Amino acid sequence: SAVLTALAISGLPVDRFTFEGFLPRKPKARDRFLADVA
């Protein structure tokens, strides 16, 4: 799994995580999404 492989190698906390998949393609929708998870 690319998700778990990336988490394991990242060096960031992995006790709690959320997978968000691909971000929206359109810039405004992408920026709103990032703001929602900030």
ModelCIF file with pLDDT and N, C-alpha, C, O atoms, coordinates in Angstrom:
data_MODEL
#
_entry.id   MODEL 
#
_entity.id                         1 
_entity.type                       polymer 
_entity.pdbx_number_of_molecules   1 
#
_entity_poly.entity_id                      1 
_entity_poly.type                           'polypeptide(L)' 
_entity_poly.nstd_linkage                   no 
_entity_poly.nstd_monomer                   no 
_entity_poly.pdbx_seq_one_letter_code       SAVLTALAISGLPVDRFTFEGFLPRKPKARDRFLADVA 
_entity_poly.pdbx_seq_one_letter_code_can   SAVLTALAISGLPVDRFTFEGFLPRKPKARDRFLADVA 
_entity_poly.pdbx_strand_id                 A 
#
loop_
_entity_poly_seq.entity_id 
_entity_poly_seq.num 
_entity_poly_seq.mon_id 
_entity_poly_seq.hetero 
1 1  SER n 
1 2  ALA n 
1 3  VAL n 
1 4  LEU n 
1 5  THR n 
1 6  ALA n 
1 7  LEU n 
1 8  ALA n 
1 9  ILE n 
1 10 SER n 
1 11 GLY n 
1 12 LEU n 
1 13 PRO n 
1 14 VAL n 
1 15 ASP n 
1 16 ARG n 
1 17 PHE n 
1 18 THR n 
1 19 PHE n 
1 20 GLU n 
1 21 GLY n 
1 22 PHE n 
1 23 LEU n 
1 24 PRO n 
1 25 ARG n 
1 26 LYS n 
1 27 PRO n 
1 28 LYS n 
1 29 ALA n 
1 30 ARG n 
1 31 ASP n 
1 32 ARG n 
1 33 PHE n 
1 34 LEU n 
1 35 ALA n 
1 36 ASP n 
1 37 VAL n 
1 38 ALA n 
#
_struct_asym.id          A 
_struct_asym.entity_id   1 
#
loop_
_ma_qa_metric.id 
_ma_qa_metric.mode 
_ma_qa_metric.name 
_ma_qa_metric.software_group_id 
_ma_qa_metric.type 
1 global pLDDT . pLDDT 
2 local  pLDDT . pLDDT 
#
_ma_qa_metric_global.metric_id      1 
_ma_qa_metric_global.metric_value   94.03 
_ma_qa_metric_global.model_id       1 
_ma_qa_metric_global.ordinal_id     1 
#
loop_
_ma_qa_metric_local.label_asym_id 
_ma_qa_metric_local.label_comp_id 
_ma_qa_metric_local.label_seq_id 
_ma_qa_metric_local.metric_id 
_ma_qa_metric_local.metric_value 
_ma_qa_metric_local.model_id 
_ma_qa_metric_local.ordinal_id 
A SER 1  2 94.00 1 1  
A ALA 2  2 96.00 1 2  
A VAL 3  2 97.00 1 3  
A LEU 4  2 96.00 1 4  
A THR 5  2 97.00 1 5  
A ALA 6  2 98.00 1 6  
A LEU 7  2 97.00 1 7  
A ALA 8  2 97.00 1 8  
A ILE 9  2 97.00 1 9  
A SER 10 2 98.00 1 10 
A GLY 11 2 97.00 1 11 
A LEU 12 2 97.00 1 12 
A PRO 13 2 96.00 1 13 
A VAL 14 2 94.00 1 14 
A ASP 15 2 93.00 1 15 
A ARG 16 2 94.00 1 16 
A PHE 17 2 96.00 1 17 
A THR 18 2 96.00 1 18 
A PHE 19 2 97.00 1 19 
A GLU 20 2 96.00 1 20 
A GLY 21 2 95.00 1 21 
A PHE 22 2 96.00 1 22 
A LEU 23 2 96.00 1 23 
A PRO 24 2 95.00 1 24 
A ARG 25 2 94.00 1 25 
A LYS 26 2 94.00 1 26 
A PRO 27 2 92.00 1 27 
A LYS 28 2 91.00 1 28 
A ALA 29 2 93.00 1 29 
A ARG 30 2 93.00 1 30 
A ASP 31 2 91.00 1 31 
A ARG 32 2 88.00 1 32 
A PHE 33 2 91.00 1 33 
A LEU 34 2 91.00 1 34 
A ALA 35 2 86.00 1 35 
A ASP 36 2 86.00 1 36 
A VAL 37 2 90.00 1 37 
A ALA 38 2 88.00 1 38 
#
loop_
_atom_site.group_PDB 
_atom_site.id 
_atom_site.type_symbol 
_atom_site.label_atom_id 
_atom_site.label_alt_id 
_atom_site.label_comp_id 
_atom_site.label_asym_id 
_atom_site.label_entity_id 
_atom_site.label_seq_id 
_atom_site.pdbx_PDB_ins_code 
_atom_site.Cartn_x 
_atom_site.Cartn_y 
_atom_site.Cartn_z 
_atom_site.occupancy 
_atom_site.B_iso_or_equiv 
_atom_site.pdbx_formal_charge 
_atom_site.auth_seq_id 
_atom_site.auth_comp_id 
_atom_site.auth_asym_id 
_atom_site.auth_atom_id 
_atom_site.pdbx_PDB_model_num 
ATOM 1   N N  . SER A 1 1  ? 0.840   -1.184 0.000   1.00 94.00 ? 1  SER A N  1 
ATOM 2   C CA . SER A 1 1  ? 0.000   0.000  0.000   1.00 94.00 ? 1  SER A CA 1 
ATOM 3   C C  . SER A 1 1  ? 0.880   1.240  0.000   1.00 94.00 ? 1  SER A C  1 
ATOM 4   O O  . SER A 1 1  ? 1.727   1.400  0.879   1.00 94.00 ? 1  SER A O  1 
ATOM 5   N N  . ALA A 1 2  ? 0.688   2.115  -0.972  1.00 96.00 ? 2  ALA A N  1 
ATOM 6   C CA . ALA A 1 2  ? 1.475   3.345  -1.020  1.00 96.00 ? 2  ALA A CA 1 
ATOM 7   C C  . ALA A 1 2  ? 1.188   4.219  0.190   1.00 96.00 ? 2  ALA A C  1 
ATOM 8   O O  . ALA A 1 2  ? 2.070   4.929  0.674   1.00 96.00 ? 2  ALA A O  1 
ATOM 9   N N  . VAL A 1 3  ? -0.056  4.167  0.682   1.00 97.00 ? 3  VAL A N  1 
ATOM 10  C CA . VAL A 1 3  ? -0.424  4.977  1.847   1.00 97.00 ? 3  VAL A CA 1 
ATOM 11  C C  . VAL A 1 3  ? 0.409   4.581  3.060   1.00 97.00 ? 3  VAL A C  1 
ATOM 12  O O  . VAL A 1 3  ? 1.044   5.430  3.687   1.00 97.00 ? 3  VAL A O  1 
ATOM 13  N N  . LEU A 1 4  ? 0.407   3.299  3.388   1.00 96.00 ? 4  LEU A N  1 
ATOM 14  C CA . LEU A 1 4  ? 1.121   2.834  4.572   1.00 96.00 ? 4  LEU A CA 1 
ATOM 15  C C  . LEU A 1 4  ? 2.637   2.907  4.385   1.00 96.00 ? 4  LEU A C  1 
ATOM 16  O O  . LEU A 1 4  ? 3.369   3.199  5.331   1.00 96.00 ? 4  LEU A O  1 
ATOM 17  N N  . THR A 1 5  ? 3.103   2.642  3.168   1.00 97.00 ? 5  THR A N  1 
ATOM 18  C CA . THR A 1 5  ? 4.540   2.724  2.900   1.00 97.00 ? 5  THR A CA 1 
ATOM 19  C C  . THR A 1 5  ? 5.041   4.142  3.103   1.00 97.00 ? 5  THR A C  1 
ATOM 20  O O  . THR A 1 5  ? 6.083   4.355  3.723   1.00 97.00 ? 5  THR A O  1 
ATOM 21  N N  . ALA A 1 6  ? 4.295   5.116  2.579   1.00 98.00 ? 6  ALA A N  1 
ATOM 22  C CA . ALA A 1 6  ? 4.683   6.515  2.718   1.00 98.00 ? 6  ALA A CA 1 
ATOM 23  C C  . ALA A 1 6  ? 4.633   6.962  4.173   1.00 98.00 ? 6  ALA A C  1 
ATOM 24  O O  . ALA A 1 6  ? 5.522   7.680  4.632   1.00 98.00 ? 6  ALA A O  1 
ATOM 25  N N  . LEU A 1 7  ? 3.604   6.545  4.900   1.00 97.00 ? 7  LEU A N  1 
ATOM 26  C CA . LEU A 1 7  ? 3.513   6.888  6.321   1.00 97.00 ? 7  LEU A CA 1 
ATOM 27  C C  . LEU A 1 7  ? 4.710   6.336  7.095   1.00 97.00 ? 7  LEU A C  1 
ATOM 28  O O  . LEU A 1 7  ? 5.317   7.039  7.903   1.00 97.00 ? 7  LEU A O  1 
ATOM 29  N N  . ALA A 1 8  ? 5.037   5.080  6.838   1.00 97.00 ? 8  ALA A N  1 
ATOM 30  C CA . ALA A 1 8  ? 6.107   4.429  7.585   1.00 97.00 ? 8  ALA A CA 1 
ATOM 31  C C  . ALA A 1 8  ? 7.452   5.102  7.358   1.00 97.00 ? 8  ALA A C  1 
ATOM 32  O O  . ALA A 1 8  ? 8.267   5.199  8.275   1.00 97.00 ? 8  ALA A O  1 
ATOM 33  N N  . ILE A 1 9  ? 7.683   5.569  6.130   1.00 97.00 ? 9  ILE A N  1 
ATOM 34  C CA . ILE A 1 9  ? 8.983   6.133  5.788   1.00 97.00 ? 9  ILE A CA 1 
ATOM 35  C C  . ILE A 1 9  ? 9.052   7.632  6.031   1.00 97.00 ? 9  ILE A C  1 
ATOM 36  O O  . ILE A 1 9  ? 10.132  8.220  5.974   1.00 97.00 ? 9  ILE A O  1 
ATOM 37  N N  . SER A 1 10 ? 7.909   8.258  6.301   1.00 98.00 ? 10 SER A N  1 
ATOM 38  C CA . SER A 1 10 ? 7.855   9.724  6.382   1.00 98.00 ? 10 SER A CA 1 
ATOM 39  C C  . SER A 1 10 ? 8.612   10.303 7.563   1.00 98.00 ? 10 SER A C  1 
ATOM 40  O O  . SER A 1 10 ? 9.203   11.377 7.452   1.00 98.00 ? 10 SER A O  1 
ATOM 41  N N  . GLY A 1 11 ? 8.603   9.606  8.693   1.00 97.00 ? 11 GLY A N  1 
ATOM 42  C CA . GLY A 1 11 ? 9.191   10.185 9.893   1.00 97.00 ? 11 GLY A CA 1 
ATOM 43  C C  . GLY A 1 11 ? 8.233   11.084 10.637  1.00 97.00 ? 11 GLY A C  1 
ATOM 44  O O  . GLY A 1 11 ? 8.608   11.690 11.641  1.00 97.00 ? 11 GLY A O  1 
ATOM 45  N N  . LEU A 1 12 ? 6.984   11.184 10.158  1.00 97.00 ? 12 LEU A N  1 
ATOM 46  C CA . LEU A 1 12 ? 5.952   11.968 10.829  1.00 97.00 ? 12 LEU A CA 1 
ATOM 47  C C  . LEU A 1 12 ? 5.127   11.041 11.737  1.00 97.00 ? 12 LEU A C  1 
ATOM 48  O O  . LEU A 1 12 ? 5.166   9.822  11.568  1.00 97.00 ? 12 LEU A O  1 
ATOM 49  N N  . PRO A 1 13 ? 4.382   11.608 12.697  1.00 96.00 ? 13 PRO A N  1 
ATOM 50  C CA . PRO A 1 13 ? 3.579   10.764 13.594  1.00 96.00 ? 13 PRO A CA 1 
ATOM 51  C C  . PRO A 1 13 ? 2.611   9.883  12.815  1.00 96.00 ? 13 PRO A C  1 
ATOM 52  O O  . PRO A 1 13 ? 1.958   10.348 11.882  1.00 96.00 ? 13 PRO A O  1 
ATOM 53  N N  . VAL A 1 14 ? 2.518   8.611  13.196  1.00 94.00 ? 14 VAL A N  1 
ATOM 54  C CA . VAL A 1 14 ? 1.647   7.668  12.482  1.00 94.00 ? 14 VAL A CA 1 
ATOM 55  C C  . VAL A 1 14 ? 0.634   7.002  13.403  1.00 94.00 ? 14 VAL A C  1 
ATOM 56  O O  . VAL A 1 14 ? -0.080  6.086  12.993  1.00 94.00 ? 14 VAL A O  1 
ATOM 57  N N  . ASP A 1 15 ? 0.572   7.472  14.668  1.00 93.00 ? 15 ASP A N  1 
ATOM 58  C CA . ASP A 1 15 ? -0.387  6.866  15.591  1.00 93.00 ? 15 ASP A CA 1 
ATOM 59  C C  . ASP A 1 15 ? -1.821  7.194  15.185  1.00 93.00 ? 15 ASP A C  1 
ATOM 60  O O  . ASP A 1 15 ? -2.732  6.411  15.454  1.00 93.00 ? 15 ASP A O  1 
ATOM 61  N N  . ARG A 1 16 ? -2.032  8.345  14.538  1.00 94.00 ? 16 ARG A N  1 
ATOM 62  C CA . ARG A 1 16 ? -3.347  8.727  14.030  1.00 94.00 ? 16 ARG A CA 1 
ATOM 63  C C  . ARG A 1 16 ? -3.130  9.417  12.689  1.00 94.00 ? 16 ARG A C  1 
ATOM 64  O O  . ARG A 1 16 ? -2.328  10.344 12.580  1.00 94.00 ? 16 ARG A O  1 
ATOM 65  N N  . PHE A 1 17 ? -3.847  8.961  11.677  1.00 96.00 ? 17 PHE A N  1 
ATOM 66  C CA . PHE A 1 17 ? -3.685  9.575  10.359  1.00 96.00 ? 17 PHE A CA 1 
ATOM 67  C C  . PHE A 1 17 ? -4.996  9.507  9.590   1.00 96.00 ? 17 PHE A C  1 
ATOM 68  O O  . PHE A 1 17 ? -5.899  8.749  9.943   1.00 96.00 ? 17 PHE A O  1 
ATOM 69  N N  . THR A 1 18 ? -5.085  10.306 8.539   1.00 96.00 ? 18 THR A N  1 
ATOM 70  C CA . THR A 1 18 ? -6.257  10.295 7.666   1.00 96.00 ? 18 THR A CA 1 
ATOM 71  C C  . THR A 1 18 ? -5.794  10.308 6.214   1.00 96.00 ? 18 THR A C  1 
ATOM 72  O O  . THR A 1 18 ? -4.929  11.097 5.834   1.00 96.00 ? 18 THR A O  1 
ATOM 73  N N  . PHE A 1 19 ? -6.374  9.434  5.415   1.00 97.00 ? 19 PHE A N  1 
ATOM 74  C CA . PHE A 1 19 ? -6.039  9.364  3.993   1.00 97.00 ? 19 PHE A CA 1 
ATOM 75  C C  . PHE A 1 19 ? -7.075  10.155 3.217   1.00 97.00 ? 19 PHE A C  1 
ATOM 76  O O  . PHE A 1 19 ? -8.270  9.877  3.311   1.00 97.00 ? 19 PHE A O  1 
ATOM 77  N N  . GLU A 1 20 ? -6.621  11.144 2.447   1.00 96.00 ? 20 GLU A N  1 
ATOM 78  C CA . GLU A 1 20 ? -7.525  12.051 1.735   1.00 96.00 ? 20 GLU A CA 1 
ATOM 79  C C  . GLU A 1 20 ? -7.561  11.818 0.233   1.00 96.00 ? 20 GLU A C  1 
ATOM 80  O O  . GLU A 1 20 ? -8.250  12.545 -0.483  1.00 96.00 ? 20 GLU A O  1 
ATOM 81  N N  . GLY A 1 21 ? -6.831  10.813 -0.262  1.00 95.00 ? 21 GLY A N  1 
ATOM 82  C CA . GLY A 1 21 ? -6.878  10.511 -1.690  1.00 95.00 ? 21 GLY A CA 1 
ATOM 83  C C  . GLY A 1 21 ? -6.298  11.631 -2.537  1.00 95.00 ? 21 GLY A C  1 
ATOM 84  O O  . GLY A 1 21 ? -5.372  12.327 -2.119  1.00 95.00 ? 21 GLY A O  1 
ATOM 85  N N  . PHE A 1 22 ? -6.854  11.797 -3.736  1.00 96.00 ? 22 PHE A N  1 
ATOM 86  C CA . PHE A 1 22 ? -6.414  12.865 -4.637  1.00 96.00 ? 22 PHE A CA 1 
ATOM 87  C C  . PHE A 1 22 ? -7.164  14.150 -4.314  1.00 96.00 ? 22 PHE A C  1 
ATOM 88  O O  . PHE A 1 22 ? -8.369  14.124 -4.065  1.00 96.00 ? 22 PHE A O  1 
ATOM 89  N N  . LEU A 1 23 ? -6.462  15.256 -4.316  1.00 96.00 ? 23 LEU A N  1 
ATOM 90  C CA . LEU A 1 23 ? -7.091  16.554 -4.132  1.00 96.00 ? 23 LEU A CA 1 
ATOM 91  C C  . LEU A 1 23 ? -7.897  16.926 -5.373  1.00 96.00 ? 23 LEU A C  1 
ATOM 92  O O  . LEU A 1 23 ? -7.620  16.417 -6.460  1.00 96.00 ? 23 LEU A O  1 
ATOM 93  N N  . PRO A 1 24 ? -8.901  17.814 -5.229  1.00 95.00 ? 24 PRO A N  1 
ATOM 94  C CA . PRO A 1 24 ? -9.653  18.268 -6.404  1.00 95.00 ? 24 PRO A CA 1 
ATOM 95  C C  . PRO A 1 24 ? -8.722  18.875 -7.453  1.00 95.00 ? 24 PRO A C  1 
ATOM 96  O O  . PRO A 1 24 ? -7.701  19.478 -7.121  1.00 95.00 ? 24 PRO A O  1 
ATOM 97  N N  . ARG A 1 25 ? -9.087  18.706 -8.705  1.00 94.00 ? 25 ARG A N  1 
ATOM 98  C CA . ARG A 1 25 ? -8.244  19.200 -9.795  1.00 94.00 ? 25 ARG A CA 1 
ATOM 99  C C  . ARG A 1 25 ? -8.260  20.722 -9.922  1.00 94.00 ? 25 ARG A C  1 
ATOM 100 O O  . ARG A 1 25 ? -7.234  21.342 -10.199 1.00 94.00 ? 25 ARG A O  1 
ATOM 101 N N  . LYS A 1 26 ? -9.443  21.318 -9.716  1.00 94.00 ? 26 LYS A N  1 
ATOM 102 C CA . LYS A 1 26 ? -9.560  22.766 -9.912  1.00 94.00 ? 26 LYS A CA 1 
ATOM 103 C C  . LYS A 1 26 ? -8.954  23.507 -8.717  1.00 94.00 ? 26 LYS A C  1 
ATOM 104 O O  . LYS A 1 26 ? -9.211  23.148 -7.568  1.00 94.00 ? 26 LYS A O  1 
ATOM 105 N N  . PRO A 1 27 ? -8.143  24.549 -8.992  1.00 92.00 ? 27 PRO A N  1 
ATOM 106 C CA . PRO A 1 27 ? -7.425  25.247 -7.916  1.00 92.00 ? 27 PRO A CA 1 
ATOM 107 C C  . PRO A 1 27 ? -8.315  25.748 -6.781  1.00 92.00 ? 27 PRO A C  1 
ATOM 108 O O  . PRO A 1 27 ? -7.963  25.579 -5.613  1.00 92.00 ? 27 PRO A O  1 
ATOM 109 N N  . LYS A 1 28 ? -9.454  26.358 -7.092  1.00 91.00 ? 28 LYS A N  1 
ATOM 110 C CA . LYS A 1 28 ? -10.313 26.899 -6.032  1.00 91.00 ? 28 LYS A CA 1 
ATOM 111 C C  . LYS A 1 28 ? -10.858 25.787 -5.143  1.00 91.00 ? 28 LYS A C  1 
ATOM 112 O O  . LYS A 1 28 ? -10.878 25.913 -3.918  1.00 91.00 ? 28 LYS A O  1 
ATOM 113 N N  . ALA A 1 29 ? -11.302 24.688 -5.775  1.00 93.00 ? 29 ALA A N  1 
ATOM 114 C CA . ALA A 1 29 ? -11.821 23.559 -5.003  1.00 93.00 ? 29 ALA A CA 1 
ATOM 115 C C  . ALA A 1 29 ? -10.703 22.927 -4.172  1.00 93.00 ? 29 ALA A C  1 
ATOM 116 O O  . ALA A 1 29 ? -10.927 22.532 -3.028  1.00 93.00 ? 29 ALA A O  1 
ATOM 117 N N  . ARG A 1 30 ? -9.501  22.832 -4.746  1.00 93.00 ? 30 ARG A N  1 
ATOM 118 C CA . ARG A 1 30 ? -8.355  22.280 -4.013  1.00 93.00 ? 30 ARG A CA 1 
ATOM 119 C C  . ARG A 1 30 ? -8.035  23.139 -2.796  1.00 93.00 ? 30 ARG A C  1 
ATOM 120 O O  . ARG A 1 30 ? -7.825  22.614 -1.702  1.00 93.00 ? 30 ARG A O  1 
ATOM 121 N N  . ASP A 1 31 ? -7.998  24.460 -2.980  1.00 91.00 ? 31 ASP A N  1 
ATOM 122 C CA . ASP A 1 31 ? -7.659  25.358 -1.880  1.00 91.00 ? 31 ASP A CA 1 
ATOM 123 C C  . ASP A 1 31 ? -8.715  25.308 -0.777  1.00 91.00 ? 31 ASP A C  1 
ATOM 124 O O  . ASP A 1 31 ? -8.378  25.368 0.405   1.00 91.00 ? 31 ASP A O  1 
ATOM 125 N N  . ARG A 1 32 ? -9.992  25.200 -1.155  1.00 88.00 ? 32 ARG A N  1 
ATOM 126 C CA . ARG A 1 32 ? -11.051 25.074 -0.151  1.00 88.00 ? 32 ARG A CA 1 
ATOM 127 C C  . ARG A 1 32 ? -10.895 23.782 0.635   1.00 88.00 ? 32 ARG A C  1 
ATOM 128 O O  . ARG A 1 32 ? -11.079 23.751 1.852   1.00 88.00 ? 32 ARG A O  1 
ATOM 129 N N  . PHE A 1 33 ? -10.549 22.707 -0.085  1.00 91.00 ? 33 PHE A N  1 
ATOM 130 C CA . PHE A 1 33 ? -10.359 21.413 0.583   1.00 91.00 ? 33 PHE A CA 1 
ATOM 131 C C  . PHE A 1 33 ? -9.216  21.499 1.586   1.00 91.00 ? 33 PHE A C  1 
ATOM 132 O O  . PHE A 1 33 ? -9.349  21.034 2.718   1.00 91.00 ? 33 PHE A O  1 
ATOM 133 N N  . LEU A 1 34 ? -8.099  22.088 1.183   1.00 91.00 ? 34 LEU A N  1 
ATOM 134 C CA . LEU A 1 34 ? -6.958  22.217 2.083   1.00 91.00 ? 34 LEU A CA 1 
ATOM 135 C C  . LEU A 1 34 ? -7.311  23.075 3.294   1.00 91.00 ? 34 LEU A C  1 
ATOM 136 O O  . LEU A 1 34 ? -6.878  22.790 4.411   1.00 91.00 ? 34 LEU A O  1 
ATOM 137 N N  . ALA A 1 35 ? -8.097  24.125 3.070   1.00 86.00 ? 35 ALA A N  1 
ATOM 138 C CA . ALA A 1 35 ? -8.520  24.976 4.180   1.00 86.00 ? 35 ALA A CA 1 
ATOM 139 C C  . ALA A 1 35 ? -9.384  24.186 5.162   1.00 86.00 ? 35 ALA A C  1 
ATOM 140 O O  . ALA A 1 35 ? -9.306  24.394 6.372   1.00 86.00 ? 35 ALA A O  1 
ATOM 141 N N  . ASP A 1 36 ? -10.205 23.283 4.637   1.00 86.00 ? 36 ASP A N  1 
ATOM 142 C CA . ASP A 1 36 ? -11.078 22.476 5.490   1.00 86.00 ? 36 ASP A CA 1 
ATOM 143 C C  . ASP A 1 36 ? -10.285 21.523 6.391   1.00 86.00 ? 36 ASP A C  1 
ATOM 144 O O  . ASP A 1 36 ? -10.728 21.203 7.494   1.00 86.00 ? 36 ASP A O  1 
ATOM 145 N N  . VAL A 1 37 ? -9.110  21.067 5.923   1.00 90.00 ? 37 VAL A N  1 
ATOM 146 C CA . VAL A 1 37 ? -8.330  20.115 6.724   1.00 90.00 ? 37 VAL A CA 1 
ATOM 147 C C  . VAL A 1 37 ? -7.137  20.781 7.405   1.00 90.00 ? 37 VAL A C  1 
ATOM 148 O O  . VAL A 1 37 ? -6.309  20.098 8.008   1.00 90.00 ? 37 VAL A O  1 
ATOM 149 N N  . ALA A 1 38 ? -7.043  22.104 7.316   1.00 88.00 ? 38 ALA A N  1 
ATOM 150 C CA . ALA A 1 38 ? -5.887  22.801 7.880   1.00 88.00 ? 38 ALA A CA 1 
ATOM 151 C C  . ALA A 1 38 ? -5.784  22.616 9.390   1.00 88.00 ? 38 ALA A C  1 
ATOM 152 O O  . ALA A 1 38 ? -4.863  23.142 10.015  1.00 88.00 ? 38 ALA A O  1 
#
